[in-house]
Protein backbone atom coordinates (compact mmCIF):
# COMPACT_ATOMS: atom_id res chain seq x y z
CA UNK A 1 0.02 0.08 0.10
CA UNK A 2 1.32 3.51 -0.98
CA UNK A 3 2.29 5.61 2.06
CA UNK A 4 0.56 8.83 0.71
CA UNK A 5 -2.92 7.40 0.70
CA UNK A 6 -2.49 6.16 4.25
CA UNK A 7 -1.32 9.54 5.44
CA UNK A 8 -4.33 11.22 3.86
CA UNK A 9 -6.83 8.72 5.28
CA UNK A 10 -5.20 8.99 8.65
CA UNK A 11 -5.30 12.70 8.84
CA UNK A 12 -9.08 12.74 7.61
CA UNK A 13 -9.74 10.21 10.31
CA UNK A 14 -8.11 12.25 12.94
CA UNK A 15 -10.04 15.35 12.08
CA UNK A 16 -13.36 13.58 12.02
CA UNK A 17 -12.68 11.76 15.41
CA UNK A 18 -11.40 14.87 17.43
CA UNK A 19 -14.40 16.65 16.12
CA UNK A 20 -17.06 13.88 17.21
CA UNK A 21 -15.33 12.81 20.32
CA UNK A 22 -16.19 15.81 22.58
CA UNK A 23 -19.76 15.19 21.89
CA UNK A 24 -19.60 11.62 23.54
CA UNK A 25 -17.42 12.79 26.44
CA UNK A 26 -14.50 10.55 25.38
CA UNK A 27 -10.88 11.51 24.79
CA UNK A 28 -10.17 11.44 21.03
CA UNK A 29 -6.99 9.42 21.40
CA UNK A 30 -8.94 6.43 23.00
CA UNK A 31 -11.22 6.33 19.99
CA UNK A 32 -8.36 6.63 17.55
CA UNK A 33 -6.61 3.63 19.39
CA UNK A 34 -9.68 1.51 19.09
CA UNK A 35 -10.44 2.34 15.51
CA UNK A 36 -6.79 1.60 14.53
CA UNK A 37 -6.95 -1.78 16.35
CA UNK A 38 -10.34 -2.50 14.50
CA UNK A 39 -8.83 -1.47 11.15
CA UNK A 40 -5.73 -3.36 11.65
CA UNK A 41 -7.75 -6.75 11.99
CA UNK A 42 -9.14 -6.33 8.60
CA UNK A 43 -7.77 -8.91 6.33
CA UNK A 44 -7.17 -6.57 3.51
CA UNK A 45 -5.05 -4.26 5.70
CA UNK A 46 -1.46 -5.05 5.57
CA UNK A 47 0.81 -5.42 8.82
CA UNK A 48 1.96 -2.22 10.13
CA UNK A 49 5.55 -1.97 11.62
CA UNK A 50 6.82 1.36 12.51
CA UNK A 51 10.58 1.64 13.40
CA UNK A 52 11.17 3.10 16.96
CA UNK A 53 13.62 5.55 15.61
CA UNK A 54 10.69 7.16 13.77
CA UNK A 55 8.92 7.66 16.99
CA UNK A 56 11.79 8.35 19.39
CA UNK A 57 13.79 10.56 17.03
CA UNK A 58 11.16 12.06 14.46
CA UNK A 59 7.86 12.39 16.36
CA UNK A 60 8.68 12.83 20.10
CA UNK A 61 11.23 15.67 19.86
CA UNK A 62 8.72 17.93 18.21
CA UNK A 63 5.85 16.88 20.40
CA UNK A 64 7.86 17.49 23.73
CA UNK A 65 9.35 20.89 22.26
CA UNK A 66 5.91 22.01 21.46
CA UNK A 67 4.48 21.22 24.88
CA UNK A 68 7.53 22.81 26.54
CA UNK A 69 7.03 26.07 24.57
CA UNK A 70 3.65 26.27 26.03
CA UNK A 71 4.51 25.12 29.76
CA UNK A 72 4.46 27.73 32.30
CA UNK A 73 7.82 27.84 33.99
CA UNK A 74 6.49 29.35 36.86
CA UNK A 75 4.32 26.46 37.77
CA UNK A 76 7.26 23.93 36.71
CA UNK A 77 9.72 25.90 39.14
CA UNK A 78 7.17 25.91 42.03
CA UNK A 79 6.70 22.05 41.93
CA UNK A 80 10.26 21.08 40.86
CA UNK A 81 10.83 19.02 43.74
CA UNK A 82 7.61 16.89 43.19
CA UNK A 83 8.27 16.71 39.39
CA UNK A 84 11.82 15.64 39.73
CA UNK A 85 10.68 12.90 42.21
CA UNK A 86 7.97 11.59 39.73
CA UNK A 87 10.15 11.99 36.71
CA UNK A 88 13.44 10.18 38.16
CA UNK A 89 12.95 8.40 41.35
CA UNK A 90 9.58 7.05 40.40
CA UNK A 91 10.60 5.83 37.10
CA UNK A 92 13.65 4.02 38.67
CA UNK A 93 11.64 2.55 41.39
CA UNK A 94 8.96 1.36 38.79
CA UNK A 95 11.62 -0.13 36.40
CA UNK A 96 13.28 -2.16 39.08
CA UNK A 97 10.25 -3.51 40.67
CA UNK A 98 8.62 -4.62 37.42
CA UNK A 99 11.95 -6.17 36.45
CA UNK A 100 11.81 -8.39 39.56
CA UNK A 101 8.13 -9.17 38.90
CA UNK A 102 8.88 -10.14 35.43
CA UNK A 103 11.78 -12.53 36.28
CA UNK A 104 9.48 -14.09 38.90
CA UNK A 105 6.68 -14.67 36.29
CA UNK A 106 9.20 -15.65 33.45
CA UNK A 107 11.86 -17.78 35.22
CA UNK A 108 14.21 -17.79 32.49
CA UNK A 109 14.16 -14.03 31.83
CA UNK A 110 17.46 -12.45 32.62
CA UNK A 111 17.11 -9.62 35.18
CA UNK A 112 18.52 -6.91 33.04
CA UNK A 113 16.08 -7.39 30.39
CA UNK A 114 13.29 -7.43 32.96
CA UNK A 115 14.51 -3.94 34.36
CA UNK A 116 14.78 -2.90 30.73
CA UNK A 117 10.81 -3.77 30.19
CA UNK A 118 10.17 -2.18 33.55
CA UNK A 119 11.77 1.06 32.22
CA UNK A 120 9.85 0.87 29.08
CA UNK A 121 6.61 0.86 30.79
CA UNK A 122 7.56 3.35 33.51
CA UNK A 123 7.16 6.96 31.72
CA UNK A 124 3.48 8.30 31.86
CA UNK A 125 1.90 9.80 28.61
CA UNK A 126 0.99 13.51 28.32
CA UNK A 127 -2.61 12.47 27.00
CA UNK A 128 -3.58 12.32 30.78
CA UNK A 129 -2.96 16.08 31.04
CA UNK A 130 -5.48 17.00 28.38
CA UNK A 131 -8.19 14.74 30.02
CA UNK A 132 -7.43 16.37 33.41
CA UNK A 133 -7.46 19.85 31.97
CA UNK A 134 -10.79 19.60 30.43
CA UNK A 135 -12.35 18.53 33.84
CA UNK A 136 -11.53 21.97 35.25
CA UNK A 137 -9.46 20.87 38.27
CA UNK A 138 -6.55 22.87 39.76
CA UNK A 139 -3.94 24.03 37.35
CA UNK A 140 -1.48 22.64 39.88
CA UNK A 141 -2.20 19.11 39.14
CA UNK A 142 -1.97 19.84 35.33
CA UNK A 143 1.49 21.62 35.76
CA UNK A 144 2.75 18.62 37.73
CA UNK A 145 1.62 16.08 35.22
CA UNK A 146 2.99 18.28 32.45
CA UNK A 147 6.45 18.49 34.20
CA UNK A 148 6.46 14.75 34.85
CA UNK A 149 5.75 13.80 31.23
CA UNK A 150 8.10 16.16 29.66
CA UNK A 151 11.24 14.68 31.60
CA UNK A 152 10.16 10.98 32.66
CA UNK A 153 10.72 9.80 29.02
CA UNK A 154 14.52 10.75 29.28
CA UNK A 155 14.95 8.88 32.45
CA UNK A 156 13.32 5.81 31.15
CA UNK A 157 15.29 5.70 27.95
CA UNK A 158 18.52 6.05 30.05
CA UNK A 159 17.58 3.14 32.14
CA UNK A 160 16.64 1.08 29.05
CA UNK A 161 19.96 1.67 27.38
CA UNK A 162 21.85 0.92 30.60
CA UNK A 163 19.90 -2.31 31.43
CA UNK A 164 20.38 -3.73 27.79
CA UNK A 165 23.99 -3.04 28.05
CA UNK A 166 24.13 -4.83 31.13
CA UNK A 167 23.14 -8.06 29.30
CA UNK A 168 26.42 -8.00 27.23
CA UNK A 169 28.71 -6.51 29.98
CA UNK A 170 28.79 -5.85 33.84
CA UNK A 171 27.16 -2.45 34.55
CA UNK A 172 27.03 -1.16 38.10
CA UNK A 173 24.76 1.17 39.73
CA UNK A 174 27.49 3.77 39.78
CA UNK A 175 27.64 3.38 35.78
CA UNK A 176 23.91 3.99 35.52
CA UNK A 177 23.93 6.94 37.79
CA UNK A 178 26.82 8.60 36.16
CA UNK A 179 25.14 7.82 32.62
CA UNK A 180 22.02 9.42 33.81
CA UNK A 181 23.75 12.55 35.28
CA UNK A 182 25.84 12.97 32.04
CA UNK A 183 22.99 12.53 29.72
CA UNK A 184 20.80 14.94 31.70
CA UNK A 185 23.54 17.68 32.20
CA UNK A 186 24.76 17.74 28.72
CA UNK A 187 21.14 17.65 27.32
CA UNK A 188 20.22 20.65 29.46
CA UNK A 189 23.28 22.64 28.25
CA UNK A 190 22.51 21.87 24.68
CA UNK A 191 18.96 22.78 25.20
CA UNK A 192 19.70 26.07 26.71
CA UNK A 193 22.25 27.04 23.96
CA UNK A 194 19.79 26.00 21.16
CA UNK A 195 16.88 27.87 22.90
CA UNK A 196 18.74 31.12 23.08
CA UNK A 197 19.97 30.63 19.48
CA UNK A 198 16.51 30.11 18.38
CA UNK A 199 15.26 33.22 19.75
CA UNK A 200 18.11 35.29 18.80
CA UNK A 201 18.08 34.16 15.15
CA UNK A 202 14.31 34.43 14.79
CA UNK A 203 14.35 37.89 16.34
CA UNK A 204 16.23 39.05 13.22
CA UNK A 205 13.95 37.14 10.55
CA UNK A 206 11.12 39.61 9.82
CA UNK A 207 9.26 37.46 7.16
CA UNK A 208 6.77 35.62 9.31
CA UNK A 209 6.51 32.46 7.09
CA UNK A 210 10.43 32.13 7.19
CA UNK A 211 10.34 32.70 10.88
CA UNK A 212 8.00 29.94 11.69
CA UNK A 213 9.69 27.71 9.09
CA UNK A 214 12.80 27.97 11.15
CA UNK A 215 11.29 27.19 14.35
CA UNK A 216 10.18 23.67 12.74
CA UNK A 217 13.92 22.73 12.84
CA UNK A 218 14.63 23.69 16.49
CA UNK A 219 13.60 20.47 18.13
CA UNK A 220 15.90 18.43 15.94
CA UNK A 221 18.62 21.10 16.21
CA UNK A 222 18.53 20.20 19.87
CA UNK A 223 17.92 16.50 19.82
CA UNK A 224 20.27 15.42 17.11
CA UNK A 225 23.63 16.66 18.57
CA UNK A 226 22.60 15.51 21.99
CA UNK A 227 21.93 11.89 20.77
CA UNK A 228 25.23 12.12 18.75
CA UNK A 229 27.17 12.47 22.02
CA UNK A 230 25.02 10.06 24.04
CA UNK A 231 22.89 12.56 25.94
CA UNK A 232 19.07 12.74 26.09
CA UNK A 233 17.79 14.27 22.63
CA UNK A 234 14.30 14.57 24.46
CA UNK A 235 15.48 16.56 27.30
CA UNK A 236 17.44 18.72 25.00
CA UNK A 237 14.28 19.48 23.00
CA UNK A 238 12.29 19.98 26.13
CA UNK A 239 14.74 22.51 27.77
CA UNK A 240 14.98 24.29 24.22
CA UNK A 241 11.28 24.48 24.35
CA UNK A 242 11.12 25.92 27.81
CA UNK A 243 13.74 28.50 27.03
CA UNK A 244 11.97 29.61 23.68
CA UNK A 245 8.59 29.99 25.30
CA UNK A 246 9.93 31.92 28.10
CA UNK A 247 11.88 34.44 25.80
CA UNK A 248 9.84 34.85 22.63
CA UNK A 249 7.25 37.19 24.00
CA UNK A 250 10.02 39.68 24.52
CA UNK A 251 11.70 39.26 21.35
CA UNK A 252 9.31 38.24 18.68
CA UNK A 253 6.34 40.14 17.19
CA UNK A 254 2.88 39.26 17.96
CA UNK A 255 2.10 38.19 14.26
CA UNK A 256 4.91 35.68 14.20
CA UNK A 257 4.01 34.16 17.76
CA UNK A 258 0.39 34.03 16.77
CA UNK A 259 1.26 32.23 13.32
CA UNK A 260 3.75 29.97 15.26
CA UNK A 261 1.32 29.04 17.67
CA UNK A 262 -1.25 28.01 14.93
CA UNK A 263 1.34 25.87 13.22
CA UNK A 264 2.72 24.12 16.06
CA UNK A 265 -0.67 23.33 17.29
CA UNK A 266 -1.71 21.68 14.03
CA UNK A 267 1.53 19.78 13.95
CA UNK A 268 1.25 18.68 17.55
CA UNK A 269 -2.41 17.77 17.09
CA UNK A 270 -1.76 15.45 14.10
CA UNK A 271 1.41 13.83 15.48
CA UNK A 272 -0.03 13.00 18.95
CA UNK A 273 -3.37 11.72 17.43
CA UNK A 274 -1.40 9.81 14.65
CA UNK A 275 0.55 8.02 17.44
CA UNK A 276 -2.51 6.58 19.06
CA UNK A 277 -3.82 5.71 15.64
CA UNK A 278 -0.66 3.68 14.72
CA UNK A 279 -0.85 2.02 18.17
CA UNK A 280 -4.00 0.38 17.41
CA UNK A 281 -2.83 -0.43 13.99
CA UNK A 282 0.29 -2.46 15.24
CA UNK A 283 -1.92 -4.49 17.52
CA UNK A 284 -2.46 -7.33 14.86
CA UNK A 285 1.33 -7.28 14.00
CA UNK A 286 2.22 -7.92 17.49
CA UNK A 287 -0.31 -10.76 17.93
CA UNK A 288 1.00 -12.44 14.69
CA UNK A 289 4.40 -12.21 16.12
CA UNK A 290 3.28 -14.09 19.39
CA UNK A 291 1.70 -16.73 17.30
CA UNK A 292 5.03 -17.57 15.51
CA UNK A 293 6.73 -17.96 18.86
CA UNK A 294 5.76 -20.38 21.55
CA UNK A 295 4.45 -17.82 23.91
CA UNK A 296 0.83 -17.08 24.28
CA UNK A 297 -1.18 -13.90 23.98
CA UNK A 298 -3.33 -14.89 27.01
CA UNK A 299 -0.20 -14.90 29.10
CA UNK A 300 0.77 -11.43 27.81
CA UNK A 301 -2.54 -10.04 29.06
CA UNK A 302 -2.36 -11.72 32.30
CA UNK A 303 1.16 -10.63 32.94
CA UNK A 304 0.33 -7.09 31.54
CA UNK A 305 -2.48 -6.97 34.19
CA UNK A 306 0.09 -7.78 36.82
CA UNK A 307 2.51 -5.21 35.62
CA UNK A 308 -0.25 -2.66 35.50
CA UNK A 309 -1.12 -3.26 39.10
CA UNK A 310 2.59 -3.04 40.37
CA UNK A 311 2.93 0.30 38.52
CA UNK A 312 -0.12 1.65 40.13
CA UNK A 313 0.87 0.59 43.47
CA UNK A 314 4.34 2.01 43.23
CA UNK A 315 2.88 5.22 41.80
CA UNK A 316 0.47 5.60 44.67
CA UNK A 317 3.07 4.98 47.25
CA UNK A 318 5.21 7.80 45.66
CA UNK A 319 2.38 10.25 45.08
CA UNK A 320 0.75 9.87 48.70
CA UNK A 321 4.36 10.07 50.22
CA UNK A 322 5.02 13.36 48.22
CA UNK A 323 1.80 14.86 49.15
CA UNK A 324 2.39 13.97 52.79
CA UNK A 325 5.71 15.43 52.81
CA UNK A 326 4.78 18.57 51.05
CA UNK A 327 1.69 18.90 53.57
CA UNK A 328 4.28 18.90 56.47
CA UNK A 329 6.17 21.66 54.96
CA UNK A 330 3.16 23.65 54.60
CA UNK A 331 2.96 24.14 58.23
CA UNK A 332 5.86 26.65 58.09
CA UNK A 333 4.45 28.67 55.15
CA UNK A 334 2.96 31.29 57.36
CA UNK A 335 6.13 31.89 59.28
CA UNK A 336 8.23 32.07 56.14
CA UNK A 337 5.85 34.51 54.54
CA UNK A 338 5.81 36.74 57.68
CA UNK A 339 9.59 36.90 57.80
CA UNK A 340 9.91 37.93 54.09
CA UNK A 341 7.17 40.41 54.39
CA UNK A 342 9.22 41.93 57.41
CA UNK A 343 12.55 41.80 55.52
CA UNK A 344 11.00 43.49 52.52
CA UNK A 345 9.62 46.13 54.72
CA UNK A 346 12.99 46.79 56.39
CA UNK A 347 14.66 47.10 53.06
CA UNK A 348 11.96 49.60 51.96
CA UNK A 349 12.74 51.68 54.82
CA UNK A 350 16.53 51.62 54.35
CA UNK A 351 16.00 52.40 50.71
CA UNK A 352 13.84 55.45 51.68
CA UNK A 353 16.30 56.57 54.18
CA UNK A 354 19.27 56.28 51.53
CA UNK A 355 17.36 58.07 48.87
CA UNK A 356 16.53 60.79 51.33
CA UNK A 357 19.93 61.35 52.67
CA UNK A 358 22.70 63.13 50.94
CA UNK A 359 25.80 61.66 52.59
CA UNK A 360 25.46 57.96 51.32
CA UNK A 361 25.44 56.66 47.60
CA UNK A 362 21.93 56.27 46.44
CA UNK A 363 20.64 52.83 45.76
CA UNK A 364 21.06 51.49 42.10
CA UNK A 365 17.50 51.67 40.74
CA UNK A 366 17.70 48.55 38.71
CA UNK A 367 19.26 46.52 41.34
CA UNK A 368 16.54 47.60 43.67
CA UNK A 369 13.83 46.57 41.32
CA UNK A 370 15.54 43.43 40.91
CA UNK A 371 15.38 42.66 44.61
CA UNK A 372 11.75 43.73 44.76
CA UNK A 373 10.77 41.25 42.20
CA UNK A 374 12.76 38.33 43.70
CA UNK A 375 10.98 39.03 47.11
CA UNK A 376 7.65 39.41 45.50
CA UNK A 377 8.25 36.25 43.42
CA UNK A 378 9.17 34.23 46.81
CA UNK A 379 6.03 35.64 48.55
CA UNK A 380 3.86 34.71 45.50
CA UNK A 381 5.40 31.20 45.62
CA UNK A 382 4.38 30.67 49.16
CA UNK A 383 1.04 32.12 48.63
CA UNK A 384 0.40 29.67 45.80
CA UNK A 385 1.68 26.60 47.59
CA UNK A 386 -0.43 27.53 50.60
CA UNK A 387 -3.58 28.23 48.65
CA UNK A 388 -3.23 25.41 46.18
CA UNK A 389 -2.32 22.56 48.70
CA UNK A 390 -2.69 18.81 47.51
CA UNK A 391 -4.91 16.65 49.60
CA UNK A 392 -5.89 13.08 49.37
CA UNK A 393 -8.46 13.64 46.49
CA UNK A 394 -5.67 15.37 44.49
CA UNK A 395 -3.28 12.46 45.01
CA UNK A 396 -5.90 10.03 43.85
CA UNK A 397 -6.18 12.14 40.52
CA UNK A 398 -2.40 12.24 40.24
CA UNK A 399 -2.22 8.37 40.63
CA UNK A 400 -5.29 7.87 38.20
CA UNK A 401 -3.67 10.05 35.54
CA UNK A 402 -0.43 7.85 35.24
CA UNK A 403 -1.39 6.55 31.89
CA UNK A 404 1.21 4.93 29.47
CA UNK A 405 1.46 5.63 25.65
CA UNK A 406 3.42 6.23 22.52
CA UNK A 407 6.92 6.23 24.29
CA UNK A 408 6.23 2.79 25.84
CA UNK A 409 5.37 1.05 22.42
CA UNK A 410 8.19 2.93 20.62
CA UNK A 411 11.03 1.98 23.50
CA UNK A 412 9.83 -1.53 23.68
CA UNK A 413 11.03 -1.91 20.08
CA UNK A 414 14.58 -1.11 21.27
CA UNK A 415 14.88 -4.59 23.15
CA UNK A 416 17.63 -6.69 21.74
CA UNK A 417 16.54 -8.98 18.62
CA UNK A 418 17.91 -11.87 20.51
CA UNK A 419 16.56 -11.16 23.71
CA UNK A 420 14.54 -14.21 25.47
CA UNK A 421 10.66 -13.89 24.82
CA UNK A 422 11.06 -10.44 22.97
CA UNK A 423 7.75 -10.72 21.23
CA UNK A 424 6.03 -11.63 24.49
CA UNK A 425 7.61 -8.68 26.34
CA UNK A 426 6.71 -6.23 23.59
CA UNK A 427 3.00 -7.38 23.61
CA UNK A 428 3.20 -7.16 27.40
CA UNK A 429 4.43 -3.40 27.07
CA UNK A 430 1.55 -2.94 24.57
CA UNK A 431 -1.10 -4.44 26.93
CA UNK A 432 0.19 -2.01 29.61
CA UNK A 433 0.05 0.92 27.55
CA UNK A 434 -3.33 0.01 25.79
CA UNK A 435 -4.60 -0.97 29.20
CA UNK A 436 -3.96 2.17 31.13
CA UNK A 437 -4.89 4.17 28.28
CA UNK A 438 -8.49 2.70 28.02
CA UNK A 439 -9.14 1.81 31.57
CA UNK A 440 -7.50 4.76 33.36
CA UNK A 441 -8.24 7.33 30.54
CA UNK A 442 -11.73 6.20 30.03
CA UNK A 443 -12.70 6.52 33.84
CA UNK A 444 -10.49 9.50 34.67
CA UNK A 445 -13.26 12.21 33.92
CA UNK A 446 -15.91 10.29 35.92
CA UNK A 447 -13.36 9.79 38.75
CA UNK A 448 -12.82 13.63 38.82
CA UNK A 449 -16.29 14.20 39.08
CA UNK A 450 -16.98 11.52 41.67
CA UNK A 451 -14.38 13.10 43.93
CA UNK A 452 -15.95 16.52 43.53
CA UNK A 453 -12.79 18.64 43.49
CA UNK A 454 -13.33 22.38 43.48
CA UNK A 455 -13.20 23.75 39.99
CA UNK A 456 -12.39 27.19 38.77
CA UNK A 457 -15.01 29.72 39.39
CA UNK A 458 -15.61 31.91 36.33
CA UNK A 459 -16.58 34.74 38.30
CA UNK A 460 -13.29 34.80 40.34
CA UNK A 461 -11.56 34.35 36.90
CA UNK A 462 -13.19 37.31 35.46
CA UNK A 463 -12.53 39.37 38.70
CA UNK A 464 -8.75 38.40 38.52
CA UNK A 465 -8.77 39.36 34.79
CA UNK A 466 -10.24 42.67 35.68
CA UNK A 467 -7.63 43.24 38.37
CA UNK A 468 -4.63 42.33 36.13
CA UNK A 469 -6.06 44.84 33.64
CA UNK A 470 -6.17 47.57 36.28
CA UNK A 471 -2.54 46.85 37.03
CA UNK A 472 -1.50 47.09 33.60
CA UNK A 473 -3.46 50.32 32.96
CA UNK A 474 -1.90 51.86 36.21
CA UNK A 475 1.68 50.80 34.91
CA UNK A 476 0.87 52.57 31.56
CA UNK A 477 -0.53 55.55 33.05
CA UNK A 478 2.79 56.05 35.06
CA UNK A 479 4.59 55.85 31.71
CA UNK A 480 2.18 58.53 30.21
CA UNK A 481 2.88 60.73 33.15
CA UNK A 482 6.65 60.18 32.92
CA UNK A 483 6.53 60.99 29.10
CA UNK A 484 8.44 57.79 28.41
CA UNK A 485 6.03 56.65 25.62
CA UNK A 486 7.13 58.25 22.24
CA UNK A 487 6.63 57.48 18.62
CA UNK A 488 8.83 54.74 17.02
CA UNK A 489 10.85 57.65 15.39
CA UNK A 490 11.52 58.85 18.70
CA UNK A 491 9.26 62.01 18.43
CA UNK A 492 6.82 62.85 21.33
CA UNK A 493 2.99 62.46 21.00
CA UNK A 494 0.84 65.60 21.17
CA UNK A 495 -0.77 66.53 24.63
CA UNK A 496 -4.13 65.85 22.93
CA UNK A 497 -3.18 62.42 22.21
CA UNK A 498 -1.89 61.71 25.53
CA UNK A 499 -4.82 63.15 27.25
CA UNK A 500 -7.17 61.00 25.10
CA UNK A 501 -5.08 58.01 26.15
CA UNK A 502 -5.45 58.91 29.63
CA UNK A 503 -9.18 59.08 29.30
CA UNK A 504 -9.24 55.99 27.35
CA UNK A 505 -7.50 54.10 30.23
CA UNK A 506 -9.51 55.59 32.93
CA UNK A 507 -13.06 55.11 31.20
CA UNK A 508 -12.19 51.94 29.27
CA UNK A 509 -13.55 53.61 26.07
CA UNK A 510 -12.17 52.51 22.76
CA UNK A 511 -10.56 55.15 20.51
CA UNK A 512 -13.34 54.56 18.08
CA UNK A 513 -16.05 55.78 20.53
CA UNK A 514 -14.83 59.39 20.49
CA UNK A 515 -14.77 61.17 17.10
CA UNK A 516 -11.48 62.67 16.09
CA UNK A 517 -9.98 64.31 12.99
CA UNK A 518 -8.28 61.77 10.73
CA UNK A 519 -4.79 62.84 11.75
CA UNK A 520 -5.75 62.58 15.34
CA UNK A 521 -7.11 59.15 14.91
CA UNK A 522 -3.75 58.31 13.19
CA UNK A 523 -1.67 59.55 16.04
CA UNK A 524 -3.96 58.03 18.44
CA UNK A 525 -3.60 54.62 16.72
CA UNK A 526 0.03 55.05 16.93
CA UNK A 527 -0.10 55.88 20.50
CA UNK A 528 -2.32 52.55 21.18
CA UNK A 529 0.47 50.47 19.72
CA UNK A 530 2.73 51.97 22.20
CA UNK A 531 0.30 51.27 24.94
CA UNK A 532 -0.16 47.79 23.97
CA UNK A 533 3.56 47.17 23.96
CA UNK A 534 4.03 48.86 27.46
CA UNK A 535 1.26 46.77 28.77
CA UNK A 536 2.97 43.72 27.53
CA UNK A 537 6.24 44.60 29.05
CA UNK A 538 4.55 45.20 32.31
CA UNK A 539 2.70 41.76 31.94
CA UNK A 540 5.92 40.03 31.44
CA UNK A 541 7.33 41.54 34.72
CA UNK A 542 4.37 40.63 36.49
CA UNK A 543 4.88 36.89 35.14
CA UNK A 544 8.47 36.80 36.50
CA UNK A 545 7.05 37.92 39.92
CA UNK A 546 4.55 35.16 39.88
CA UNK A 547 1.67 37.23 41.47
CA UNK A 548 -0.87 36.00 38.80
CA UNK A 549 -1.81 32.52 37.74
CA UNK A 550 -0.13 31.37 34.40
CA UNK A 551 -3.57 30.72 32.94
CA UNK A 552 -4.76 34.34 33.38
CA UNK A 553 -1.42 35.77 32.14
CA UNK A 554 -1.52 33.57 28.93
CA UNK A 555 -5.14 34.88 28.21
CA UNK A 556 -4.33 38.39 28.67
CA UNK A 557 -0.93 38.04 26.55
CA UNK A 558 -3.13 36.60 23.72
CA UNK A 559 -5.42 39.50 24.16
CA UNK A 560 -2.57 42.17 23.71
CA UNK A 561 -1.17 40.32 20.80
CA UNK A 562 -4.60 40.22 18.95
CA UNK A 563 -4.73 43.82 19.78
CA UNK A 564 -1.25 44.64 18.39
CA UNK A 565 -1.87 42.82 15.23
CA UNK A 566 -5.17 44.70 14.59
CA UNK A 567 -3.56 47.97 15.39
CA UNK A 568 -0.45 47.45 13.09
CA UNK A 569 -2.82 46.59 10.19
CA UNK A 570 -4.39 49.93 10.54
CA UNK A 571 -0.96 51.68 10.40
CA UNK A 572 -0.18 49.84 7.07
């Protein structure tokens, strides 16, 4: 069968299913997987086999890069400890535990191969994040799941490589540890360099199409060099994405960012949906491989169920343990916050005294603003962790969201060709991925509803948006009073335009509601553009302080971008 018709049919199927799925309240990836499995069983459909390199090297880097660009670094930083535990320690514990269970259930299976399979089935899939997000629960749960899914793939692949290497040679725990630390450190370094290089280069590419086209190469510019020197290409792509997402609002135009977001959203949607469709199509091929060997597919299902039970038990222990430890730390939040507030007030008094005195060197304004931002960020972090504390119900959701997916099936193909029971082990990995995806993914929305977790109040969100808008308006008003807003050629705006802008900000009237002469409208339109850019600059400063949620900031940034594109179109 020609590849082109298959791709066309697959894209059409993805569009139709993702359009229909919300009407039934079922996640589209689940339906795509079932449809793929059904189509794969048809007698006229040939066997489907996808090389793991296509998934690990061609699909996952852009998928993880795109997710990382949109990941709020504020939420990632606040829960870095918990994310690290889930992405590293939980993966290692799961791999070793499953390895011992498999050697017990399959007596002639080497422990190293068992641990390799354990590492294959350990990383969670990001599809859980979409299901949880649609349920409207705390964004903190989403942030933790996002961070875990972005980085646990790398941990798992390092363990897979180390375990496979142990089959042919002696590999110690120290070797695995140093390999992991090297893979992580080098990948982070490469990701930071590529991320900064990406933003620097794209800030000098004025053409929108060319700018977005360059971004398509970025995940591979990070992943390929990292893999070439035995580091984690996935971590490099993730870090490059996080650096890019943090810096592009300051360096790239609104038009480029809006166009890029649309392109990447389309690519990610097709790739992620296509993975689950292909997973279903490969089911028949795996069953045929089992029939050729002496292993039985029923055995694979039974062992797969046992492995799923082990994974859930270990995940529950880590999740509930982490939530308990974080709850113990929360007892000291009030004291920490009070100390920071008192220290900030003390420094404010010192600053005022030094500015009023003439015998001492005045405080550097930029350093003082940086200090204020740091203290505000720390206080905001404490407030966030205190107000968004995890409880037992949140822990249940985190456990249930531990679904496996594409990375499991792709990594299973890395098992050595001559490994004992290779086809059986790959089918076990498939059972784990498919079983958790269907059972946990299918029941997760109902579980969230049954737990009756507090959801986001639209009224509260509207009030927060209103407050953020007021803060931005006040910042712009200060710049108008200081006279720091000028035309792009450096010339000042007229007093009439400045006065009109003040009225607009105070009354929230649009410029079109006040009749002006044509020249005045043109000048006011140019001033509006400067106001939007000043508002964005203040918004990014507020983002760095962390005093507003990432969701609210993202919505407001999108509004400012849309305003800027509209205004620039009028100036053309």
